[in-house]
Every structure is written in C-alpha cells, then in structure tokens.
Amino acid sequence: EIRGTAPVLEGVDLSAHDGLSLALDALLASIPPRGYLAVMA
C-alpha cells in the first residue's frame, strides 16, 4: 500500500505497472542538495 506526502507523490502515475518504482524514483528526486534519505522499518 502506497501513501506519502503530496510533494512526493504529486504527478506520479501509481496506476502504471511500475508504479512502485515510480514512487521510489520520486522520493529519491525529492532529496535536496547535501541531503539524505532515511529508511525507517
């Protein structure tokens, strides 16, 4: 199940067959300069 803040998922076609990959790509693109990505499981 995919949820997220609007800036991440805005414009992402989650109905596509690779929708999960697109959501992850959008998250990676949202990392600002000198930023980081934290995975919290």
PDB file of all heavy atoms in Angstrom:
ATOM      1  N   GLU A   1       0.852  -1.181   0.000  1.00  0.00           N
ATOM      2  CA  GLU A   1       0.000   0.000   0.000  1.00  0.00           C
ATOM      3  C   GLU A   1       0.888   1.231   0.000  1.00  0.00           C
ATOM      4  O   GLU A   1       1.820   1.323   0.806  1.00  0.00           O
ATOM      5  CB  GLU A   1      -0.909   0.023   1.224  1.00  0.00           C
ATOM      6  CG  GLU A   1      -1.936  -1.095   1.262  1.00  0.00           C
ATOM      7  CD  GLU A   1      -2.810  -1.061   2.504  1.00  0.00           C
ATOM      8  OE1 GLU A   1      -2.496  -0.264   3.425  1.00  0.00           O
ATOM      9  OE2 GLU A   1      -3.780  -1.828   2.572  1.00  0.00           O
ATOM     10  N   ILE A   2       0.614   2.181  -0.883  1.00  0.00           N
ATOM     11  CA  ILE A   2       1.460   3.360  -1.055  1.00  0.00           C
ATOM     12  C   ILE A   2       0.744   4.592  -0.516  1.00  0.00           C
ATOM     13  O   ILE A   2      -0.387   4.891  -0.895  1.00  0.00           O
ATOM     14  CB  ILE A   2       1.822   3.571  -2.537  1.00  0.00           C
ATOM     15  CG1 ILE A   2       2.545   2.340  -3.085  1.00  0.00           C
ATOM     16  CG2 ILE A   2       2.679   4.824  -2.713  1.00  0.00           C
ATOM     17  CD1 ILE A   2       2.828   2.408  -4.574  1.00  0.00           C
ATOM     18  N   ARG A   3       1.421   5.290   0.383  1.00  0.00           N
ATOM     19  CA  ARG A   3       0.957   6.567   0.893  1.00  0.00           C
ATOM     20  C   ARG A   3       2.144   7.510   0.902  1.00  0.00           C
ATOM     21  O   ARG A   3       3.291   7.065   0.886  1.00  0.00           O
ATOM     22  CB  ARG A   3       0.403   6.440   2.320  1.00  0.00           C
ATOM     23  CG  ARG A   3      -0.795   5.505   2.465  1.00  0.00           C
ATOM     24  CD  ARG A   3      -1.137   5.291   3.934  1.00  0.00           C
ATOM     25  NE  ARG A   3      -2.336   4.467   4.111  1.00  0.00           N
ATOM     26  CZ  ARG A   3      -2.354   3.146   4.116  1.00  0.00           C
ATOM     27  NH1 ARG A   3      -1.221   2.471   3.914  1.00  0.00           N
ATOM     28  NH2 ARG A   3      -3.483   2.470   4.293  1.00  0.00           N
ATOM     29  N   GLY A   4       1.887   8.794   0.971  1.00  0.00           N
ATOM     30  CA  GLY A   4       3.014   9.721   1.022  1.00  0.00           C
ATOM     31  C   GLY A   4       2.547  11.154   1.076  1.00  0.00           C
ATOM     32  O   GLY A   4       1.368  11.454   0.865  1.00  0.00           O
ATOM     33  N   THR A   5       3.481  12.044   1.377  1.00  0.00           N
ATOM     34  CA  THR A   5       3.170  13.463   1.374  1.00  0.00           C
ATOM     35  C   THR A   5       3.012  13.938  -0.067  1.00  0.00           C
ATOM     36  O   THR A   5       3.613  13.384  -0.997  1.00  0.00           O
ATOM     37  CB  THR A   5       4.274  14.263   2.079  1.00  0.00           C
ATOM     38  OG1 THR A   5       5.533  13.956   1.476  1.00  0.00           O
ATOM     39  CG2 THR A   5       4.344  13.916   3.562  1.00  0.00           C
ATOM     40  N   ALA A   6       2.195  14.965  -0.237  1.00  0.00           N
ATOM     41  CA  ALA A   6       1.838  15.436  -1.584  1.00  0.00           C
ATOM     42  C   ALA A   6       3.047  15.750  -2.457  1.00  0.00           C
ATOM     43  O   ALA A   6       3.064  15.383  -3.649  1.00  0.00           O
ATOM     44  CB  ALA A   6       0.910  16.647  -1.475  1.00  0.00           C
ATOM     45  N   PRO A   7       4.085  16.428  -1.956  1.00  0.00           N
ATOM     46  CA  PRO A   7       5.198  16.756  -2.851  1.00  0.00           C
ATOM     47  C   PRO A   7       5.877  15.526  -3.453  1.00  0.00           C
ATOM     48  O   PRO A   7       6.417  15.592  -4.555  1.00  0.00           O
ATOM     49  CB  PRO A   7       6.164  17.518  -1.931  1.00  0.00           C
ATOM     50  CG  PRO A   7       5.305  18.052  -0.822  1.00  0.00           C
ATOM     51  CD  PRO A   7       4.263  17.008  -0.613  1.00  0.00           C
ATOM     52  N   VAL A   8       5.834  14.390  -2.742  1.00  0.00           N
ATOM     53  CA  VAL A   8       6.499  13.191  -3.255  1.00  0.00           C
ATOM     54  C   VAL A   8       5.654  12.525  -4.334  1.00  0.00           C
ATOM     55  O   VAL A   8       6.154  12.170  -5.413  1.00  0.00           O
ATOM     56  CB  VAL A   8       6.777  12.194  -2.109  1.00  0.00           C
ATOM     57  CG1 VAL A   8       7.354  10.892  -2.669  1.00  0.00           C
ATOM     58  CG2 VAL A   8       7.744  12.800  -1.102  1.00  0.00           C
ATOM     59  N   LEU A   9       4.373  12.337  -4.081  1.00  0.00           N
ATOM     60  CA  LEU A   9       3.525  11.565  -4.987  1.00  0.00           C
ATOM     61  C   LEU A   9       2.843  12.391  -6.061  1.00  0.00           C
ATOM     62  O   LEU A   9       2.230  11.828  -6.976  1.00  0.00           O
ATOM     63  CB  LEU A   9       2.472  10.809  -4.171  1.00  0.00           C
ATOM     64  CG  LEU A   9       3.015   9.714  -3.249  1.00  0.00           C
ATOM     65  CD1 LEU A   9       1.886   9.039  -2.498  1.00  0.00           C
ATOM     66  CD2 LEU A   9       3.828   8.691  -4.030  1.00  0.00           C
ATOM     67  N   GLU A  10       2.951  13.704  -5.971  1.00  0.00           N
ATOM     68  CA  GLU A  10       2.304  14.563  -6.968  1.00  0.00           C
ATOM     69  C   GLU A  10       2.832  14.256  -8.373  1.00  0.00           C
ATOM     70  O   GLU A  10       4.034  14.291  -8.628  1.00  0.00           O
ATOM     71  CB  GLU A  10       2.543  16.034  -6.621  1.00  0.00           C
ATOM     72  CG  GLU A  10       1.781  17.005  -7.507  1.00  0.00           C
ATOM     73  CD  GLU A  10       1.955  18.445  -7.049  1.00  0.00           C
ATOM     74  OE1 GLU A  10       2.670  18.665  -6.051  1.00  0.00           O
ATOM     75  OE2 GLU A  10       1.387  19.326  -7.696  1.00  0.00           O
ATOM     76  N   GLY A  11       1.928  13.942  -9.281  1.00  0.00           N
ATOM     77  CA  GLY A  11       2.319  13.674 -10.664  1.00  0.00           C
ATOM     78  C   GLY A  11       2.813  12.275 -10.923  1.00  0.00           C
ATOM     79  O   GLY A  11       3.168  11.941 -12.065  1.00  0.00           O
ATOM     80  N   VAL A  12       2.856  11.420  -9.891  1.00  0.00           N
ATOM     81  CA  VAL A  12       3.331  10.046 -10.076  1.00  0.00           C
ATOM     82  C   VAL A  12       2.156   9.174 -10.519  1.00  0.00           C
ATOM     83  O   VAL A  12       1.103   9.147  -9.866  1.00  0.00           O
ATOM     84  CB  VAL A  12       3.942   9.494  -8.771  1.00  0.00           C
ATOM     85  CG1 VAL A  12       4.379   8.042  -8.962  1.00  0.00           C
ATOM     86  CG2 VAL A  12       5.125  10.348  -8.338  1.00  0.00           C
ATOM     87  N   ASP A  13       2.333   8.441 -11.601  1.00  0.00           N
ATOM     88  CA  ASP A  13       1.281   7.569 -12.121  1.00  0.00           C
ATOM     89  C   ASP A  13       1.340   6.225 -11.392  1.00  0.00           C
ATOM     90  O   ASP A  13       2.013   5.288 -11.823  1.00  0.00           O
ATOM     91  CB  ASP A  13       1.455   7.371 -13.626  1.00  0.00           C
ATOM     92  CG  ASP A  13       0.332   6.512 -14.225  1.00  0.00           C
ATOM     93  OD1 ASP A  13      -0.625   6.193 -13.487  1.00  0.00           O
ATOM     94  OD2 ASP A  13       0.426   6.169 -15.408  1.00  0.00           O
ATOM     95  N   LEU A  14       0.626   6.151 -10.285  1.00  0.00           N
ATOM     96  CA  LEU A  14       0.653   4.937  -9.477  1.00  0.00           C
ATOM     97  C   LEU A  14      -0.160   3.808 -10.104  1.00  0.00           C
ATOM     98  O   LEU A  14      -0.101   2.661  -9.633  1.00  0.00           O
ATOM     99  CB  LEU A  14       0.136   5.238  -8.071  1.00  0.00           C
ATOM    100  CG  LEU A  14       1.000   6.208  -7.242  1.00  0.00           C
ATOM    101  CD1 LEU A  14       0.337   6.490  -5.907  1.00  0.00           C
ATOM    102  CD2 LEU A  14       2.400   5.638  -7.029  1.00  0.00           C
ATOM    103  N   SER A  15      -0.910   4.111 -11.153  1.00  0.00           N
ATOM    104  CA  SER A  15      -1.668   3.064 -11.833  1.00  0.00           C
ATOM    105  C   SER A  15      -0.817   2.307 -12.846  1.00  0.00           C
ATOM    106  O   SER A  15      -1.236   1.270 -13.374  1.00  0.00           O
ATOM    107  CB  SER A  15      -2.888   3.666 -12.544  1.00  0.00           C
ATOM    108  OG  SER A  15      -2.476   4.540 -13.591  1.00  0.00           O
ATOM    109  N   ALA A  16       0.367   2.826 -13.118  1.00  0.00           N
ATOM    110  CA  ALA A  16       1.256   2.169 -14.072  1.00  0.00           C
ATOM    111  C   ALA A  16       1.756   0.843 -13.507  1.00  0.00           C
ATOM    112  O   ALA A  16       1.789   0.631 -12.299  1.00  0.00           O
ATOM    113  CB  ALA A  16       2.442   3.080 -14.402  1.00  0.00           C
ATOM    114  N   HIS A  17       2.180  -0.062 -14.394  1.00  0.00           N
ATOM    115  CA  HIS A  17       2.648  -1.368 -13.940  1.00  0.00           C
ATOM    116  C   HIS A  17       3.886  -1.249 -13.062  1.00  0.00           C
ATOM    117  O   HIS A  17       4.151  -2.106 -12.221  1.00  0.00           O
ATOM    118  CB  HIS A  17       2.940  -2.283 -15.143  1.00  0.00           C
ATOM    119  CG  HIS A  17       4.189  -1.920 -15.885  1.00  0.00           C
ATOM    120  ND1 HIS A  17       4.247  -0.888 -16.801  1.00  0.00           N
ATOM    121  CD2 HIS A  17       5.450  -2.439 -15.825  1.00  0.00           C
ATOM    122  CE1 HIS A  17       5.472  -0.792 -17.285  1.00  0.00           C
ATOM    123  NE2 HIS A  17       6.223  -1.717 -16.718  1.00  0.00           N
ATOM    124  N   ASP A  18       4.656  -0.169 -13.265  1.00  0.00           N
ATOM    125  CA  ASP A  18       5.852   0.078 -12.455  1.00  0.00           C
ATOM    126  C   ASP A  18       5.613   1.226 -11.479  1.00  0.00           C
ATOM    127  O   ASP A  18       6.519   1.994 -11.171  1.00  0.00           O
ATOM    128  CB  ASP A  18       7.059   0.355 -13.334  1.00  0.00           C
ATOM    129  CG  ASP A  18       6.852   1.548 -14.275  1.00  0.00           C
ATOM    130  OD1 ASP A  18       5.690   2.009 -14.405  1.00  0.00           O
ATOM    131  OD2 ASP A  18       7.845   2.007 -14.868  1.00  0.00           O
ATOM    132  N   GLY A  19       4.388   1.327 -10.977  1.00  0.00           N
ATOM    133  CA  GLY A  19       4.033   2.438 -10.095  1.00  0.00           C
ATOM    134  C   GLY A  19       4.882   2.506  -8.840  1.00  0.00           C
ATOM    135  O   GLY A  19       5.238   3.597  -8.378  1.00  0.00           O
ATOM    136  N   LEU A  20       5.233   1.347  -8.275  1.00  0.00           N
ATOM    137  CA  LEU A  20       6.074   1.346  -7.075  1.00  0.00           C
ATOM    138  C   LEU A  20       7.455   1.911  -7.385  1.00  0.00           C
ATOM    139  O   LEU A  20       7.989   2.728  -6.617  1.00  0.00           O
ATOM    140  CB  LEU A  20       6.180  -0.068  -6.508  1.00  0.00           C
ATOM    141  CG  LEU A  20       7.042  -0.248  -5.254  1.00  0.00           C
ATOM    142  CD1 LEU A  20       6.575   0.662  -4.124  1.00  0.00           C
ATOM    143  CD2 LEU A  20       7.035  -1.713  -4.804  1.00  0.00           C
ATOM    144  N   SER A  21       8.033   1.516  -8.498  1.00  0.00           N
ATOM    145  CA  SER A  21       9.334   2.059  -8.905  1.00  0.00           C
ATOM    146  C   SER A  21       9.260   3.566  -9.122  1.00  0.00           C
ATOM    147  O   SER A  21      10.172   4.315  -8.745  1.00  0.00           O
ATOM    148  CB  SER A  21       9.820   1.373 -10.184  1.00  0.00           C
ATOM    149  OG  SER A  21      10.104   0.015  -9.961  1.00  0.00           O
ATOM    150  N   LEU A  22       8.157   4.017  -9.723  1.00  0.00           N
ATOM    151  CA  LEU A  22       7.992   5.453  -9.963  1.00  0.00           C
ATOM    152  C   LEU A  22       7.891   6.220  -8.656  1.00  0.00           C
ATOM    153  O   LEU A  22       8.436   7.329  -8.532  1.00  0.00           O
ATOM    154  CB  LEU A  22       6.753   5.689 -10.820  1.00  0.00           C
ATOM    155  CG  LEU A  22       6.794   5.146 -12.256  1.00  0.00           C
ATOM    156  CD1 LEU A  22       5.448   5.320 -12.944  1.00  0.00           C
ATOM    157  CD2 LEU A  22       7.909   5.829 -13.050  1.00  0.00           C
ATOM    158  N   ALA A  23       7.196   5.643  -7.670  1.00  0.00           N
ATOM    159  CA  ALA A  23       7.090   6.306  -6.364  1.00  0.00           C
ATOM    160  C   ALA A  23       8.454   6.402  -5.693  1.00  0.00           C
ATOM    161  O   ALA A  23       8.807   7.431  -5.100  1.00  0.00           O
ATOM    162  CB  ALA A  23       6.107   5.548  -5.477  1.00  0.00           C
ATOM    163  N   LEU A  24       9.243   5.345  -5.789  1.00  0.00           N
ATOM    164  CA  LEU A  24      10.586   5.362  -5.205  1.00  0.00           C
ATOM    165  C   LEU A  24      11.486   6.359  -5.934  1.00  0.00           C
ATOM    166  O   LEU A  24      12.279   7.076  -5.302  1.00  0.00           O
ATOM    167  CB  LEU A  24      11.190   3.960  -5.256  1.00  0.00           C
ATOM    168  CG  LEU A  24      10.516   2.926  -4.343  1.00  0.00           C
ATOM    169  CD1 LEU A  24      10.932   1.517  -4.727  1.00  0.00           C
ATOM    170  CD2 LEU A  24      10.859   3.202  -2.881  1.00  0.00           C
ATOM    171  N   ASP A  25      11.362   6.419  -7.259  1.00  0.00           N
ATOM    172  CA  ASP A  25      12.138   7.398  -8.014  1.00  0.00           C
ATOM    173  C   ASP A  25      11.770   8.822  -7.599  1.00  0.00           C
ATOM    174  O   ASP A  25      12.643   9.693  -7.482  1.00  0.00           O
ATOM    175  CB  ASP A  25      11.886   7.231  -9.512  1.00  0.00           C
ATOM    176  CG  ASP A  25      12.540   5.984 -10.088  1.00  0.00           C
ATOM    177  OD1 ASP A  25      13.455   5.446  -9.439  1.00  0.00           O
ATOM    178  OD2 ASP A  25      12.119   5.543 -11.181  1.00  0.00           O
ATOM    179  N   ALA A  26      10.475   9.066  -7.366  1.00  0.00           N
ATOM    180  CA  ALA A  26      10.034  10.396  -6.945  1.00  0.00           C
ATOM    181  C   ALA A  26      10.590  10.750  -5.570  1.00  0.00           C
ATOM    182  O   ALA A  26      10.966  11.905  -5.319  1.00  0.00           O
ATOM    183  CB  ALA A  26       8.508  10.458  -6.927  1.00  0.00           C
ATOM    184  N   LEU A  27      10.658   9.760  -4.682  1.00  0.00           N
ATOM    185  CA  LEU A  27      11.239  10.015  -3.361  1.00  0.00           C
ATOM    186  C   LEU A  27      12.722  10.366  -3.482  1.00  0.00           C
ATOM    187  O   LEU A  27      13.202  11.323  -2.862  1.00  0.00           O
ATOM    188  CB  LEU A  27      11.058   8.792  -2.469  1.00  0.00           C
ATOM    189  CG  LEU A  27      11.639   8.916  -1.054  1.00  0.00           C
ATOM    190  CD1 LEU A  27      10.919   9.997  -0.257  1.00  0.00           C
ATOM    191  CD2 LEU A  27      11.563   7.573  -0.320  1.00  0.00           C
ATOM    192  N   LEU A  28      13.455   9.620  -4.296  1.00  0.00           N
ATOM    193  CA  LEU A  28      14.879   9.913  -4.485  1.00  0.00           C
ATOM    194  C   LEU A  28      15.067  11.302  -5.092  1.00  0.00           C
ATOM    195  O   LEU A  28      15.998  12.033  -4.714  1.00  0.00           O
ATOM    196  CB  LEU A  28      15.515   8.856  -5.387  1.00  0.00           C
ATOM    197  CG  LEU A  28      15.666   7.459  -4.772  1.00  0.00           C
ATOM    198  CD1 LEU A  28      16.045   6.446  -5.847  1.00  0.00           C
ATOM    199  CD2 LEU A  28      16.710   7.467  -3.661  1.00  0.00           C
ATOM    200  N   ALA A  29      14.185  11.685  -5.989  1.00  0.00           N
ATOM    201  CA  ALA A  29      14.296  13.003  -6.623  1.00  0.00           C
ATOM    202  C   ALA A  29      13.988  14.131  -5.640  1.00  0.00           C
ATOM    203  O   ALA A  29      14.373  15.279  -5.886  1.00  0.00           O
ATOM    204  CB  ALA A  29      13.343  13.085  -7.821  1.00  0.00           C
ATOM    205  N   SER A  30      13.308  13.805  -4.547  1.00  0.00           N
ATOM    206  CA  SER A  30      12.930  14.839  -3.580  1.00  0.00           C
ATOM    207  C   SER A  30      14.041  15.169  -2.587  1.00  0.00           C
ATOM    208  O   SER A  30      13.906  16.117  -1.808  1.00  0.00           O
ATOM    209  CB  SER A  30      11.689  14.390  -2.801  1.00  0.00           C
ATOM    210  OG  SER A  30      12.006  13.373  -1.857  1.00  0.00           O
ATOM    211  N   ILE A  31      15.131  14.405  -2.598  1.00  0.00           N
ATOM    212  CA  ILE A  31      16.225  14.666  -1.659  1.00  0.00           C
ATOM    213  C   ILE A  31      16.904  15.972  -2.057  1.00  0.00           C
ATOM    214  O   ILE A  31      17.354  16.124  -3.190  1.00  0.00           O
ATOM    215  CB  ILE A  31      17.260  13.520  -1.670  1.00  0.00           C
ATOM    216  CG1 ILE A  31      16.594  12.178  -1.401  1.00  0.00           C
ATOM    217  CG2 ILE A  31      18.349  13.786  -0.625  1.00  0.00           C
ATOM    218  CD1 ILE A  31      17.520  10.983  -1.568  1.00  0.00           C
ATOM    219  N   PRO A  32      17.003  16.931  -1.144  1.00  0.00           N
ATOM    220  CA  PRO A  32      17.609  18.223  -1.506  1.00  0.00           C
ATOM    221  C   PRO A  32      19.120  18.129  -1.605  1.00  0.00           C
ATOM    222  O   PRO A  32      19.728  17.122  -1.202  1.00  0.00           O
ATOM    223  CB  PRO A  32      17.183  19.135  -0.352  1.00  0.00           C
ATOM    224  CG  PRO A  32      16.942  18.221   0.795  1.00  0.00           C
ATOM    225  CD  PRO A  32      16.467  16.927   0.227  1.00  0.00           C
ATOM    226  N   PRO A  33      19.766  19.154  -2.143  1.00  0.00           N
ATOM    227  CA  PRO A  33      21.237  19.172  -2.193  1.00  0.00           C
ATOM    228  C   PRO A  33      21.834  18.953  -0.809  1.00  0.00           C
ATOM    229  O   PRO A  33      21.328  19.489   0.181  1.00  0.00           O
ATOM    230  CB  PRO A  33      21.544  20.571  -2.735  1.00  0.00           C
ATOM    231  CG  PRO A  33      20.320  20.959  -3.497  1.00  0.00           C
ATOM    232  CD  PRO A  33      19.166  20.347  -2.759  1.00  0.00           C
ATOM    233  N   ARG A  34      22.889  18.155  -0.728  1.00  0.00           N
ATOM    234  CA  ARG A  34      23.568  17.809   0.524  1.00  0.00           C
ATOM    235  C   ARG A  34      22.619  17.132   1.505  1.00  0.00           C
ATOM    236  O   ARG A  34      22.848  17.116   2.710  1.00  0.00           O
ATOM    237  CB  ARG A  34      24.220  19.032   1.176  1.00  0.00           C
ATOM    238  CG  ARG A  34      25.326  19.671   0.329  1.00  0.00           C
ATOM    239  CD  ARG A  34      26.070  20.749   1.112  1.00  0.00           C
ATOM    240  NE  ARG A  34      26.616  20.216   2.362  1.00  0.00           N
ATOM    241  CZ  ARG A  34      27.728  19.498   2.451  1.00  0.00           C
ATOM    242  NH1 ARG A  34      28.431  19.222   1.359  1.00  0.00           N
ATOM    243  NH2 ARG A  34      28.156  19.060   3.618  1.00  0.00           N
ATOM    244  N   GLY A  35      21.552  16.533   0.976  1.00  0.00           N
ATOM    245  CA  GLY A  35      20.571  15.875   1.821  1.00  0.00           C
ATOM    246  C   GLY A  35      20.853  14.399   1.997  1.00  0.00           C
ATOM    247  O   GLY A  35      21.908  13.876   1.636  1.00  0.00           O
ATOM    248  N   TYR A  36      19.863  13.708   2.548  1.00  0.00           N
ATOM    249  CA  TYR A  36      19.995  12.279   2.807  1.00  0.00           C
ATOM    250  C   TYR A  36      18.622  11.632   2.746  1.00  0.00           C
ATOM    251  O   TYR A  36      17.583  12.313   2.804  1.00  0.00           O
ATOM    252  CB  TYR A  36      20.629  12.028   4.183  1.00  0.00           C
ATOM    253  CG  TYR A  36      19.777  12.485   5.350  1.00  0.00           C
ATOM    254  CD1 TYR A  36      18.921  11.606   6.014  1.00  0.00           C
ATOM    255  CD2 TYR A  36      19.823  13.811   5.803  1.00  0.00           C
ATOM    256  CE1 TYR A  36      18.130  12.022   7.074  1.00  0.00           C
ATOM    257  CE2 TYR A  36      19.044  14.236   6.873  1.00  0.00           C
ATOM    258  CZ  TYR A  36      18.198  13.335   7.504  1.00  0.00           C
ATOM    259  OH  TYR A  36      17.418  13.756   8.555  1.00  0.00           O
ATOM    260  N   LEU A  37      18.613  10.312   2.631  1.00  0.00           N
ATOM    261  CA  LEU A  37      17.387   9.529   2.666  1.00  0.00           C
ATOM    262  C   LEU A  37      17.478   8.575   3.845  1.00  0.00           C
ATOM    263  O   LEU A  37      18.464   7.838   3.982  1.00  0.00           O
ATOM    264  CB  LEU A  37      17.216   8.732   1.370  1.00  0.00           C
ATOM    265  CG  LEU A  37      16.058   7.722   1.342  1.00  0.00           C
ATOM    266  CD1 LEU A  37      14.720   8.407   1.527  1.00  0.00           C
ATOM    267  CD2 LEU A  37      16.084   6.917   0.046  1.00  0.00           C
ATOM    268  N   ALA A  38      16.466   8.595   4.702  1.00  0.00           N
ATOM    269  CA  ALA A  38      16.414   7.695   5.855  1.00  0.00           C
ATOM    270  C   ALA A  38      15.333   6.654   5.635  1.00  0.00           C
ATOM    271  O   ALA A  38      14.172   6.992   5.391  1.00  0.00           O
ATOM    272  CB  ALA A  38      16.137   8.485   7.131  1.00  0.00           C
ATOM    273  N   VAL A  39      15.716   5.384   5.705  1.00  0.00           N
ATOM    274  CA  VAL A  39      14.764   4.278   5.640  1.00  0.00           C
ATOM    275  C   VAL A  39      14.437   3.861   7.064  1.00  0.00           C
ATOM    276  O   VAL A  39      15.343   3.572   7.859  1.00  0.00           O
ATOM    277  CB  VAL A  39      15.337   3.079   4.857  1.00  0.00           C
ATOM    278  CG1 VAL A  39      14.294   1.974   4.745  1.00  0.00           C
ATOM    279  CG2 VAL A  39      15.830   3.515   3.489  1.00  0.00           C
ATOM    280  N   MET A  40      13.147   3.832   7.410  1.00  0.00           N
ATOM    281  CA  MET A  40      12.714   3.555   8.776  1.00  0.00           C
ATOM    282  C   MET A  40      11.744   2.377   8.732  1.00  0.00           C
ATOM    283  O   MET A  40      10.623   2.508   8.245  1.00  0.00           O
ATOM    284  CB  MET A  40      12.023   4.789   9.361  1.00  0.00           C
ATOM    285  CG  MET A  40      12.837   6.075   9.186  1.00  0.00           C
ATOM    286  SD  MET A  40      11.902   7.573   9.589  1.00  0.00           S
ATOM    287  CE  MET A  40      10.610   7.538   8.340  1.00  0.00           C
ATOM    288  N   ALA A  41      12.175   1.223   9.229  1.00  0.00           N
ATOM    289  CA  ALA A  41      11.404  -0.011   9.085  1.00  0.00           C
ATOM    290  C   ALA A  41      10.800  -0.433  10.419  1.00  0.00           C
ATOM    291  O   ALA A  41      11.511  -0.906  11.309  1.00  0.00           O
ATOM    292  CB  ALA A  41      12.298  -1.118   8.535  1.00  0.00           C
TER     293      ALA A  41
END
